Amino acid sequence: MSEIHSGGCQCGAIRFRMEGQPKDVSVCHCRMCQKAFGAYYAPLVNVGTAGVTWTRGEPKRFASSNFVQRGFCETCGTPLTYEAPDGLSLSAGSFDEPARLPPTIQFGIECRLPFVDGIPALPARATLDDLDDAPFLPDIVSRQHPDHDTAEWPPERPA
């Protein structure tokens, strides 16, 4: 039986399915990935020979270089793909169960920010431990697509 992973963007306009074992799961520290993800690094799943099907919508693409296109949801902005001559990678965080795809290699380490390795040593708090500074947290109603496929999205809202 083939390994199956599903995922999509934050708003649910785009959903995908990957069937098969990915080539690798990486963290890329290059400056282009930092900018594309708006983060210190980009976690990517190189699909290799696994099959990818867009099951709802398709990403809009930006040519970030003469060789690379970046796919994203034009509605919510979620980064979704890195597409280069050597293949397709999907953003690891857009998978419904990203814990099933742990990174195995790092790329672009010449651009790795010097403090990244120290992040696990920083003080840590759970979300609801921050109620003094953010008292609205218990009342948040998420509009984010759930971490599973849905027949349609968004759900119909009662009148």
Protein backbone atom coordinates (compact mmCIF):
# COMPACT_ATOMS: atom_id res chain seq x y z
CA MET A 1 0.00 0.00 0.00
CA SER A 2 1.32 3.43 -0.95
CA GLU A 3 1.98 6.14 1.59
CA ILE A 4 -0.60 8.94 1.30
CA HIS A 5 -0.30 12.51 2.60
CA SER A 6 -2.79 15.33 2.12
CA GLY A 7 -2.55 19.03 2.74
CA GLY A 8 -3.46 22.48 1.58
CA CYS A 9 -3.43 26.18 2.24
CA GLN A 10 -4.71 27.97 5.31
CA CYS A 11 -8.01 29.10 3.79
CA GLY A 12 -8.85 25.80 2.07
CA ALA A 13 -9.00 27.17 -1.49
CA ILE A 14 -6.17 24.80 -2.47
CA ARG A 15 -5.81 21.15 -1.43
CA PHE A 16 -3.37 18.47 -2.58
CA ARG A 17 -2.63 14.79 -2.19
CA MET A 18 0.81 13.18 -2.35
CA GLU A 19 0.91 9.43 -2.92
CA GLY A 20 4.22 7.66 -2.42
CA GLN A 21 7.44 8.15 -0.49
CA PRO A 22 9.04 11.61 -0.83
CA LYS A 23 12.67 11.86 -1.98
CA ASP A 24 13.62 13.85 1.12
CA VAL A 25 12.37 16.39 3.62
CA SER A 26 14.63 19.37 4.08
CA VAL A 27 15.10 22.69 5.75
CA CYS A 28 16.45 25.32 3.37
CA HIS A 29 18.23 28.33 4.86
CA CYS A 30 18.94 30.19 1.59
CA ARG A 31 17.92 33.83 1.49
CA MET A 32 15.43 33.24 -1.32
CA CYS A 33 13.57 30.63 0.78
CA GLN A 34 13.68 32.93 3.82
CA LYS A 35 11.96 35.64 1.79
CA ALA A 36 9.46 33.28 0.14
CA PHE A 37 8.33 31.87 3.49
CA GLY A 38 8.75 35.06 5.53
CA ALA A 39 10.66 32.91 8.02
CA TYR A 40 14.16 32.00 9.17
CA TYR A 41 14.12 28.93 6.89
CA ALA A 42 11.81 26.93 4.64
CA PRO A 43 10.79 23.34 5.45
CA LEU A 44 10.25 21.49 2.14
CA VAL A 45 9.15 18.01 1.07
CA ASN A 46 10.85 17.01 -2.19
CA VAL A 47 8.20 14.75 -3.73
CA GLY A 48 10.67 12.88 -5.97
CA THR A 49 8.70 10.16 -7.78
CA ALA A 50 5.66 10.41 -5.49
CA GLY A 51 2.50 11.45 -7.28
CA VAL A 52 0.95 14.84 -6.51
CA THR A 53 -2.62 15.72 -7.36
CA TRP A 54 -4.23 19.12 -6.80
CA THR A 55 -7.63 18.10 -5.41
CA ARG A 56 -9.04 21.63 -5.01
CA GLY A 57 -7.73 24.66 -6.85
CA GLU A 58 -4.12 25.20 -7.93
CA PRO A 59 -1.40 27.52 -6.74
CA LYS A 60 -0.64 30.84 -8.36
CA ARG A 61 3.07 31.00 -9.21
CA PHE A 62 5.84 33.58 -8.93
CA ALA A 63 9.13 33.14 -10.81
CA SER A 64 11.55 33.89 -7.97
CA SER A 65 14.53 33.30 -10.30
CA ASN A 66 15.24 32.25 -13.86
CA PHE A 67 14.98 28.58 -12.76
CA VAL A 68 12.55 28.53 -9.83
CA GLN A 69 8.82 29.12 -9.47
CA ARG A 70 7.13 29.44 -6.09
CA GLY A 71 3.51 28.38 -5.78
CA PHE A 72 1.19 29.99 -3.24
CA CYS A 73 -2.50 30.49 -2.53
CA GLU A 74 -3.54 33.80 -4.03
CA THR A 75 -6.39 34.07 -1.48
CA CYS A 76 -4.56 33.54 1.83
CA GLY A 77 -0.88 33.69 0.79
CA THR A 78 0.17 30.28 2.08
CA PRO A 79 3.49 29.21 0.48
CA LEU A 80 2.88 25.83 -1.19
CA THR A 81 5.56 24.89 -3.74
CA TYR A 82 9.15 25.20 -4.80
CA GLU A 83 9.38 24.17 -8.46
CA ALA A 84 12.79 23.82 -10.11
CA PRO A 85 14.35 21.79 -12.94
CA ASP A 86 15.28 19.10 -10.39
CA GLY A 87 11.68 18.62 -9.27
CA LEU A 88 8.76 19.71 -7.14
CA SER A 89 8.83 20.35 -3.41
CA LEU A 90 5.81 21.10 -1.23
CA SER A 91 5.91 23.22 1.91
CA ALA A 92 6.11 20.82 4.85
CA GLY A 93 3.89 22.95 7.07
CA SER A 94 1.03 22.81 4.57
CA PHE A 95 0.63 19.04 5.05
CA ASP A 96 -2.24 17.97 7.30
CA GLU A 97 0.15 15.92 9.44
CA PRO A 98 3.58 17.57 9.16
CA ALA A 99 4.91 15.50 12.08
CA ARG A 100 4.84 12.48 9.73
CA LEU A 101 7.46 14.21 7.53
CA PRO A 102 10.44 15.13 9.74
CA PRO A 103 13.41 16.85 8.08
CA THR A 104 16.41 14.71 7.13
CA ILE A 105 18.79 17.30 5.59
CA GLN A 106 19.55 21.05 5.56
CA PHE A 107 20.40 23.09 2.47
CA GLY A 108 21.70 26.63 1.99
CA ILE A 109 23.57 26.54 5.29
CA GLU A 110 25.79 29.43 4.20
CA CYS A 111 22.75 31.65 4.88
CA ARG A 112 21.65 29.94 8.12
CA LEU A 113 21.01 32.68 10.64
CA PRO A 114 23.40 32.42 13.59
CA PHE A 115 20.69 32.19 16.26
CA VAL A 116 18.57 29.43 14.67
CA ASP A 117 20.36 26.58 16.44
CA GLY A 118 19.67 28.25 19.80
CA ILE A 119 15.89 28.50 19.36
CA PRO A 120 15.13 25.27 21.31
CA ALA A 121 16.97 26.73 24.34
CA LEU A 122 14.73 29.83 24.50
CA PRO A 123 12.08 30.08 27.24
CA ALA A 124 8.84 28.48 26.06
CA ARG A 125 5.17 29.02 26.88
CA ALA A 126 1.93 27.42 25.73
CA THR A 127 -0.44 29.70 23.80
CA LEU A 128 -2.93 30.14 26.64
CA ASP A 129 -0.13 30.97 29.10
CA ASP A 130 -0.05 34.43 27.47
CA LEU A 131 -3.48 35.64 28.61
CA ASP A 132 -2.13 38.68 30.51
CA ASP A 133 -0.73 40.11 27.28
CA ALA A 134 -3.37 38.67 24.92
CA PRO A 135 -6.67 38.21 26.78
CA PHE A 136 -8.56 37.61 23.50
CA LEU A 137 -6.93 34.20 22.96
CA PRO A 138 -9.68 32.02 24.51
CA ASP A 139 -12.29 33.70 22.29
CA ILE A 140 -10.55 33.09 18.95
CA VAL A 141 -12.74 31.41 16.35
CA SER A 142 -10.51 29.87 13.69
CA ARG A 143 -11.40 30.35 10.05
CA GLN A 144 -8.52 28.10 9.04
CA HIS A 145 -9.31 25.02 6.98
CA PRO A 146 -9.18 21.86 9.13
CA ASP A 147 -6.30 19.40 8.76
CA HIS A 148 -8.26 16.97 6.59
CA ASP A 149 -10.06 16.95 3.26
CA THR A 150 -13.54 18.44 3.12
CA ALA A 151 -16.20 18.13 0.42
CA GLU A 152 -16.38 21.91 0.20
CA TRP A 153 -15.00 24.91 1.99
CA PRO A 154 -15.87 27.22 3.55
CA PRO A 155 -18.87 25.58 5.17
CA GLU A 156 -22.19 27.27 4.68
CA ARG A 157 -22.83 29.70 7.50
CA PRO A 158 -26.33 29.84 9.00
CA ALA A 159 -28.28 32.96 8.06
